[in-house]
Amino acid sequence: MKFKTRKRKRREATEEAKAKENKLASKSDQVTEQTEPKQKTEYKKKPIKEEKPVTKINLPPKRKPKPISDK
């Protein structure tokens, strides 16, 4: 039983990839059919939200400054 070394694994992987490319290239040479143009996908447009009138925010009452007493 041979142990697969990194070099052998890499070589086998590249050979397989080249074989696949050659197959695809030969198929593309044989098949010269025109593919249908892609249809544009239509997206649903979101309805524009109506702006609500600005409501007054209830803030806590402001503190009144203490009067300075003269002594």
PDB file of N, CA and C in Angstrom:
ATOM      1  N   MET A   1       0.846  -1.181   0.000  1.00  0.00           N
ATOM      2  CA  MET A   1       0.000   0.000   0.000  1.00  0.00           C
ATOM      3  C   MET A   1       0.888   1.240   0.000  1.00  0.00           C
ATOM      4  N   LYS A   2       0.651   2.129  -0.979  1.00  0.00           N
ATOM      5  CA  LYS A   2       1.442   3.351  -1.065  1.00  0.00           C
ATOM      6  C   LYS A   2       0.766   4.424  -0.230  1.00  0.00           C
ATOM      7  N   PHE A   3       1.607   5.157   0.482  1.00  0.00           N
ATOM      8  CA  PHE A   3       1.081   6.289   1.224  1.00  0.00           C
ATOM      9  C   PHE A   3       1.035   7.481   0.283  1.00  0.00           C
ATOM     10  N   LYS A   4      -0.064   8.204   0.321  1.00  0.00           N
ATOM     11  CA  LYS A   4      -0.175   9.363  -0.558  1.00  0.00           C
ATOM     12  C   LYS A   4       0.590  10.524   0.058  1.00  0.00           C
ATOM     13  N   THR A   5       1.545  10.995  -0.678  1.00  0.00           N
ATOM     14  CA  THR A   5       2.304  12.150  -0.207  1.00  0.00           C
ATOM     15  C   THR A   5       1.604  13.410  -0.692  1.00  0.00           C
ATOM     16  N   ARG A   6       2.034  14.524  -0.163  1.00  0.00           N
ATOM     17  CA  ARG A   6       1.416  15.788  -0.554  1.00  0.00           C
ATOM     18  C   ARG A   6       1.618  16.055  -2.039  1.00  0.00           C
ATOM     19  N   LYS A   7       2.837  15.777  -2.516  1.00  0.00           N
ATOM     20  CA  LYS A   7       3.115  16.024  -3.933  1.00  0.00           C
ATOM     21  C   LYS A   7       2.216  15.163  -4.815  1.00  0.00           C
ATOM     22  N   ARG A   8       2.060  13.890  -4.447  1.00  0.00           N
ATOM     23  CA  ARG A   8       1.248  12.982  -5.253  1.00  0.00           C
ATOM     24  C   ARG A   8      -0.212  13.432  -5.222  1.00  0.00           C
ATOM     25  N   LYS A   9      -0.706  13.825  -4.027  1.00  0.00           N
ATOM     26  CA  LYS A   9      -2.094  14.291  -3.916  1.00  0.00           C
ATOM     27  C   LYS A   9      -2.312  15.515  -4.796  1.00  0.00           C
ATOM     28  N   ARG A  10      -1.363  16.457  -4.723  1.00  0.00           N
ATOM     29  CA  ARG A  10      -1.492  17.685  -5.491  1.00  0.00           C
ATOM     30  C   ARG A  10      -1.464  17.374  -6.987  1.00  0.00           C
ATOM     31  N   ARG A  11      -0.552  16.486  -7.401  1.00  0.00           N
ATOM     32  CA  ARG A  11      -0.429  16.121  -8.810  1.00  0.00           C
ATOM     33  C   ARG A  11      -1.724  15.484  -9.303  1.00  0.00           C
ATOM     34  N   GLU A  12      -2.286  14.567  -8.498  1.00  0.00           N
ATOM     35  CA  GLU A  12      -3.534  13.912  -8.895  1.00  0.00           C
ATOM     36  C   GLU A  12      -4.676  14.916  -8.996  1.00  0.00           C
ATOM     37  N   ALA A  13      -4.717  15.845  -8.061  1.00  0.00           N
ATOM     38  CA  ALA A  13      -5.785  16.844  -8.070  1.00  0.00           C
ATOM     39  C   ALA A  13      -5.674  17.732  -9.308  1.00  0.00           C
ATOM     40  N   THR A  14      -4.449  18.127  -9.656  1.00  0.00           N
ATOM     41  CA  THR A  14      -4.290  18.980 -10.836  1.00  0.00           C
ATOM     42  C   THR A  14      -4.617  18.212 -12.107  1.00  0.00           C
ATOM     43  N   GLU A  15      -4.253  16.937 -12.151  1.00  0.00           N
ATOM     44  CA  GLU A  15      -4.569  16.128 -13.329  1.00  0.00           C
ATOM     45  C   GLU A  15      -6.077  15.986 -13.499  1.00  0.00           C
ATOM     46  N   GLU A  16      -6.794  15.778 -12.389  1.00  0.00           N
ATOM     47  CA  GLU A  16      -8.253  15.663 -12.456  1.00  0.00           C
ATOM     48  C   GLU A  16      -8.875  16.977 -12.922  1.00  0.00           C
ATOM     49  N   ALA A  17      -8.352  18.086 -12.402  1.00  0.00           N
ATOM     50  CA  ALA A  17      -8.887  19.392 -12.782  1.00  0.00           C
ATOM     51  C   ALA A  17      -8.661  19.653 -14.267  1.00  0.00           C
ATOM     52  N   LYS A  18      -7.469  19.294 -14.759  1.00  0.00           N
ATOM     53  CA  LYS A  18      -7.183  19.482 -16.186  1.00  0.00           C
ATOM     54  C   LYS A  18      -8.095  18.612 -17.039  1.00  0.00           C
ATOM     55  N   ALA A  19      -8.340  17.378 -16.589  1.00  0.00           N
ATOM     56  CA  ALA A  19      -9.216  16.478 -17.333  1.00  0.00           C
ATOM     57  C   ALA A  19     -10.635  17.052 -17.399  1.00  0.00           C
ATOM     58  N   LYS A  20     -11.118  17.594 -16.288  1.00  0.00           N
ATOM     59  CA  LYS A  20     -12.456  18.195 -16.270  1.00  0.00           C
ATOM     60  C   LYS A  20     -12.524  19.384 -17.221  1.00  0.00           C
ATOM     61  N   GLU A  21     -11.466  20.225 -17.209  1.00  0.00           N
ATOM     62  CA  GLU A  21     -11.452  21.389 -18.092  1.00  0.00           C
ATOM     63  C   GLU A  21     -11.482  20.951 -19.549  1.00  0.00           C
ATOM     64  N   ASN A  22     -10.716  19.907 -19.873  1.00  0.00           N
ATOM     65  CA  ASN A  22     -10.692  19.418 -21.252  1.00  0.00           C
ATOM     66  C   ASN A  22     -12.061  18.885 -21.668  1.00  0.00           C
ATOM     67  N   LYS A  23     -12.737  18.175 -20.747  1.00  0.00           N
ATOM     68  CA  LYS A  23     -14.072  17.656 -21.051  1.00  0.00           C
ATOM     69  C   LYS A  23     -15.042  18.798 -21.303  1.00  0.00           C
ATOM     70  N   LEU A  24     -14.982  19.824 -20.421  1.00  0.00           N
ATOM     71  CA  LEU A  24     -15.880  20.963 -20.581  1.00  0.00           C
ATOM     72  C   LEU A  24     -15.579  21.702 -21.879  1.00  0.00           C
ATOM     73  N   ALA A  25     -14.300  21.833 -22.205  1.00  0.00           N
ATOM     74  CA  ALA A  25     -13.925  22.532 -23.433  1.00  0.00           C
ATOM     75  C   ALA A  25     -14.425  21.765 -24.650  1.00  0.00           C
ATOM     76  N   SER A  26     -14.288  20.442 -24.635  1.00  0.00           N
ATOM     77  CA  SER A  26     -14.744  19.653 -25.780  1.00  0.00           C
ATOM     78  C   SER A  26     -16.265  19.705 -25.899  1.00  0.00           C
ATOM     79  N   LYS A  27     -16.961  19.721 -24.758  1.00  0.00           N
ATOM     80  CA  LYS A  27     -18.423  19.815 -24.794  1.00  0.00           C
ATOM     81  C   LYS A  27     -18.855  21.171 -25.335  1.00  0.00           C
ATOM     82  N   SER A  28     -18.162  22.237 -24.914  1.00  0.00           N
ATOM     83  CA  SER A  28     -18.547  23.572 -25.369  1.00  0.00           C
ATOM     84  C   SER A  28     -18.282  23.728 -26.859  1.00  0.00           C
ATOM     85  N   ASP A  29     -17.279  23.028 -27.385  1.00  0.00           N
ATOM     86  CA  ASP A  29     -17.030  23.070 -28.825  1.00  0.00           C
ATOM     87  C   ASP A  29     -18.150  22.363 -29.577  1.00  0.00           C
ATOM     88  N   GLN A  30     -18.628  21.262 -29.019  1.00  0.00           N
ATOM     89  CA  GLN A  30     -19.677  20.493 -29.677  1.00  0.00           C
ATOM     90  C   GLN A  30     -21.010  21.228 -29.627  1.00  0.00           C
ATOM     91  N   VAL A  31     -21.328  21.785 -28.478  1.00  0.00           N
ATOM     92  CA  VAL A  31     -22.623  22.433 -28.294  1.00  0.00           C
ATOM     93  C   VAL A  31     -22.475  23.916 -28.588  1.00  0.00           C
ATOM     94  N   THR A  32     -23.147  24.371 -29.633  1.00  0.00           N
ATOM     95  CA  THR A  32     -23.101  25.790 -29.983  1.00  0.00           C
ATOM     96  C   THR A  32     -24.505  26.369 -29.961  1.00  0.00           C
ATOM     97  N   GLU A  33     -25.317  25.891 -29.033  1.00  0.00           N
ATOM     98  CA  GLU A  33     -26.681  26.394 -28.910  1.00  0.00           C
ATOM     99  C   GLU A  33     -26.660  27.719 -28.173  1.00  0.00           C
ATOM    100  N   GLN A  34     -27.579  28.582 -28.582  1.00  0.00           N
ATOM    101  CA  GLN A  34     -27.678  29.854 -27.882  1.00  0.00           C
ATOM    102  C   GLN A  34     -28.592  29.672 -26.686  1.00  0.00           C
ATOM    103  N   THR A  35     -28.130  30.151 -25.579  1.00  0.00           N
ATOM    104  CA  THR A  35     -28.958  30.051 -24.383  1.00  0.00           C
ATOM    105  C   THR A  35     -29.915  31.234 -24.361  1.00  0.00           C
ATOM    106  N   GLU A  36     -31.043  31.048 -23.722  1.00  0.00           N
ATOM    107  CA  GLU A  36     -32.032  32.115 -23.641  1.00  0.00           C
ATOM    108  C   GLU A  36     -31.491  33.243 -22.779  1.00  0.00           C
ATOM    109  N   PRO A  37     -31.765  34.492 -23.165  1.00  0.00           N
ATOM    110  CA  PRO A  37     -31.289  35.597 -22.329  1.00  0.00           C
ATOM    111  C   PRO A  37     -31.985  35.557 -20.971  1.00  0.00           C
ATOM    112  N   LYS A  38     -31.237  35.897 -19.968  1.00  0.00           N
ATOM    113  CA  LYS A  38     -31.797  35.848 -18.614  1.00  0.00           C
ATOM    114  C   LYS A  38     -32.881  36.902 -18.463  1.00  0.00           C
ATOM    115  N   GLN A  39     -33.954  36.501 -17.824  1.00  0.00           N
ATOM    116  CA  GLN A  39     -35.032  37.444 -17.581  1.00  0.00           C
ATOM    117  C   GLN A  39     -34.720  38.226 -16.318  1.00  0.00           C
ATOM    118  N   LYS A  40     -35.045  39.502 -16.376  1.00  0.00           N
ATOM    119  CA  LYS A  40     -34.818  40.320 -15.192  1.00  0.00           C
ATOM    120  C   LYS A  40     -35.845  39.948 -14.135  1.00  0.00           C
ATOM    121  N   THR A  41     -35.370  39.793 -12.935  1.00  0.00           N
ATOM    122  CA  THR A  41     -36.296  39.467 -11.856  1.00  0.00           C
ATOM    123  C   THR A  41     -36.955  40.753 -11.384  1.00  0.00           C
ATOM    124  N   GLU A  42     -38.253  40.678 -11.251  1.00  0.00           N
ATOM    125  CA  GLU A  42     -38.980  41.852 -10.798  1.00  0.00           C
ATOM    126  C   GLU A  42     -39.195  41.748  -9.296  1.00  0.00           C
ATOM    127  N   TYR A  43     -38.765  42.784  -8.619  1.00  0.00           N
ATOM    128  CA  TYR A  43     -38.907  42.817  -7.172  1.00  0.00           C
ATOM    129  C   TYR A  43     -40.142  43.625  -6.810  1.00  0.00           C
ATOM    130  N   LYS A  44     -40.792  43.201  -5.739  1.00  0.00           N
ATOM    131  CA  LYS A  44     -41.957  43.937  -5.278  1.00  0.00           C
ATOM    132  C   LYS A  44     -41.484  45.248  -4.660  1.00  0.00           C
ATOM    133  N   LYS A  45     -42.126  46.329  -5.074  1.00  0.00           N
ATOM    134  CA  LYS A  45     -41.766  47.621  -4.513  1.00  0.00           C
ATOM    135  C   LYS A  45     -42.511  47.801  -3.200  1.00  0.00           C
ATOM    136  N   LYS A  46     -41.772  48.243  -2.201  1.00  0.00           N
ATOM    137  CA  LYS A  46     -42.396  48.468  -0.905  1.00  0.00           C
ATOM    138  C   LYS A  46     -43.260  49.721  -0.983  1.00  0.00           C
ATOM    139  N   PRO A  47     -44.452  49.676  -0.383  1.00  0.00           N
ATOM    140  CA  PRO A  47     -45.291  50.869  -0.409  1.00  0.00           C
ATOM    141  C   PRO A  47     -44.664  51.980   0.436  1.00  0.00           C
ATOM    142  N   ILE A  48     -44.812  53.198  -0.043  1.00  0.00           N
ATOM    143  CA  ILE A  48     -44.241  54.334   0.681  1.00  0.00           C
ATOM    144  C   ILE A  48     -45.091  54.584   1.918  1.00  0.00           C
ATOM    145  N   LYS A  49     -44.418  54.623   3.059  1.00  0.00           N
ATOM    146  CA  LYS A  49     -45.136  54.840   4.309  1.00  0.00           C
ATOM    147  C   LYS A  49     -45.499  56.317   4.429  1.00  0.00           C
ATOM    148  N   GLU A  50     -46.722  56.547   4.852  1.00  0.00           N
ATOM    149  CA  GLU A  50     -47.154  57.927   5.058  1.00  0.00           C
ATOM    150  C   GLU A  50     -46.510  58.455   6.329  1.00  0.00           C
ATOM    151  N   GLU A  51     -46.007  59.689   6.234  1.00  0.00           N
ATOM    152  CA  GLU A  51     -45.351  60.271   7.401  1.00  0.00           C
ATOM    153  C   GLU A  51     -46.412  60.699   8.404  1.00  0.00           C
ATOM    154  N   LYS A  52     -46.246  60.253   9.629  1.00  0.00           N
ATOM    155  CA  LYS A  52     -47.180  60.623  10.678  1.00  0.00           C
ATOM    156  C   LYS A  52     -46.784  61.997  11.212  1.00  0.00           C
ATOM    157  N   PRO A  53     -47.763  62.798  11.641  1.00  0.00           N
ATOM    158  CA  PRO A  53     -47.406  64.098  12.208  1.00  0.00           C
ATOM    159  C   PRO A  53     -46.618  63.906  13.507  1.00  0.00           C
ATOM    160  N   VAL A  54     -45.666  64.796  13.720  1.00  0.00           N
ATOM    161  CA  VAL A  54     -44.803  64.677  14.892  1.00  0.00           C
ATOM    162  C   VAL A  54     -45.622  64.979  16.137  1.00  0.00           C
ATOM    163  N   THR A  55     -45.579  64.063  17.086  1.00  0.00           N
ATOM    164  CA  THR A  55     -46.308  64.282  18.333  1.00  0.00           C
ATOM    165  C   THR A  55     -45.355  64.856  19.364  1.00  0.00           C
ATOM    166  N   LYS A  56     -45.919  65.608  20.273  1.00  0.00           N
ATOM    167  CA  LYS A  56     -45.104  66.229  21.308  1.00  0.00           C
ATOM    168  C   LYS A  56     -44.685  65.168  22.317  1.00  0.00           C
ATOM    169  N   ILE A  57     -43.419  65.162  22.645  1.00  0.00           N
ATOM    170  CA  ILE A  57     -42.921  64.192  23.611  1.00  0.00           C
ATOM    171  C   ILE A  57     -43.035  64.809  24.997  1.00  0.00           C
ATOM    172  N   ASN A  58     -43.599  64.049  25.911  1.00  0.00           N
ATOM    173  CA  ASN A  58     -43.748  64.550  27.274  1.00  0.00           C
ATOM    174  C   ASN A  58     -42.420  64.437  28.010  1.00  0.00           C
ATOM    175  N   LEU A  59     -41.802  65.580  28.248  1.00  0.00           N
ATOM    176  CA  LEU A  59     -40.545  65.609  28.984  1.00  0.00           C
ATOM    177  C   LEU A  59     -40.845  65.959  30.434  1.00  0.00           C
ATOM    178  N   PRO A  60     -39.987  65.522  31.343  1.00  0.00           N
ATOM    179  CA  PRO A  60     -40.204  65.908  32.738  1.00  0.00           C
ATOM    180  C   PRO A  60     -40.039  67.423  32.884  1.00  0.00           C
ATOM    181  N   PRO A  61     -40.725  68.021  33.854  1.00  0.00           N
ATOM    182  CA  PRO A  61     -40.651  69.480  33.998  1.00  0.00           C
ATOM    183  C   PRO A  61     -39.227  69.927  34.329  1.00  0.00           C
ATOM    184  N   LYS A  62     -38.856  71.076  33.766  1.00  0.00           N
ATOM    185  CA  LYS A  62     -37.511  71.592  34.008  1.00  0.00           C
ATOM    186  C   LYS A  62     -37.432  72.144  35.425  1.00  0.00           C
ATOM    187  N   ARG A  63     -36.257  71.994  36.041  1.00  0.00           N
ATOM    188  CA  ARG A  63     -36.067  72.513  37.403  1.00  0.00           C
ATOM    189  C   ARG A  63     -35.843  74.014  37.334  1.00  0.00           C
ATOM    190  N   LYS A  64     -36.502  74.715  38.236  1.00  0.00           N
ATOM    191  CA  LYS A  64     -36.323  76.158  38.298  1.00  0.00           C
ATOM    192  C   LYS A  64     -35.058  76.446  39.099  1.00  0.00           C
ATOM    193  N   PRO A  65     -34.261  77.408  38.669  1.00  0.00           N
ATOM    194  CA  PRO A  65     -33.052  77.718  39.440  1.00  0.00           C
ATOM    195  C   PRO A  65     -33.418  78.350  40.784  1.00  0.00           C
ATOM    196  N   LYS A  66     -32.677  77.968  41.808  1.00  0.00           N
ATOM    197  CA  LYS A  66     -32.945  78.505  43.148  1.00  0.00           C
ATOM    198  C   LYS A  66     -32.487  79.966  43.201  1.00  0.00           C
ATOM    199  N   PRO A  67     -33.300  80.815  43.810  1.00  0.00           N
ATOM    200  CA  PRO A  67     -32.879  82.223  43.899  1.00  0.00           C
ATOM    201  C   PRO A  67     -31.683  82.365  44.845  1.00  0.00           C
ATOM    202  N   ILE A  68     -30.787  83.267  44.479  1.00  0.00           N
ATOM    203  CA  ILE A  68     -29.595  83.484  45.310  1.00  0.00           C
ATOM    204  C   ILE A  68     -30.002  84.418  46.448  1.00  0.00           C
ATOM    205  N   SER A  69     -29.815  83.928  47.659  1.00  0.00           N
ATOM    206  CA  SER A  69     -30.185  84.758  48.817  1.00  0.00           C
ATOM    207  C   SER A  69     -28.965  85.564  49.271  1.00  0.00           C
ATOM    208  N   ASP A  70     -29.160  86.877  49.484  1.00  0.00           N
ATOM    209  CA  ASP A  70     -28.065  87.742  49.944  1.00  0.00           C
ATOM    210  C   ASP A  70     -28.038  87.763  51.456  1.00  0.00           C
ATOM    211  N   LYS A  71     -26.876  87.543  52.030  1.00  0.00           N
ATOM    212  CA  LYS A  71     -26.742  87.582  53.490  1.00  0.00           C
ATOM    213  C   LYS A  71     -25.701  88.566  53.883  1.00  0.00           C
TER     214      LYS A  71
END
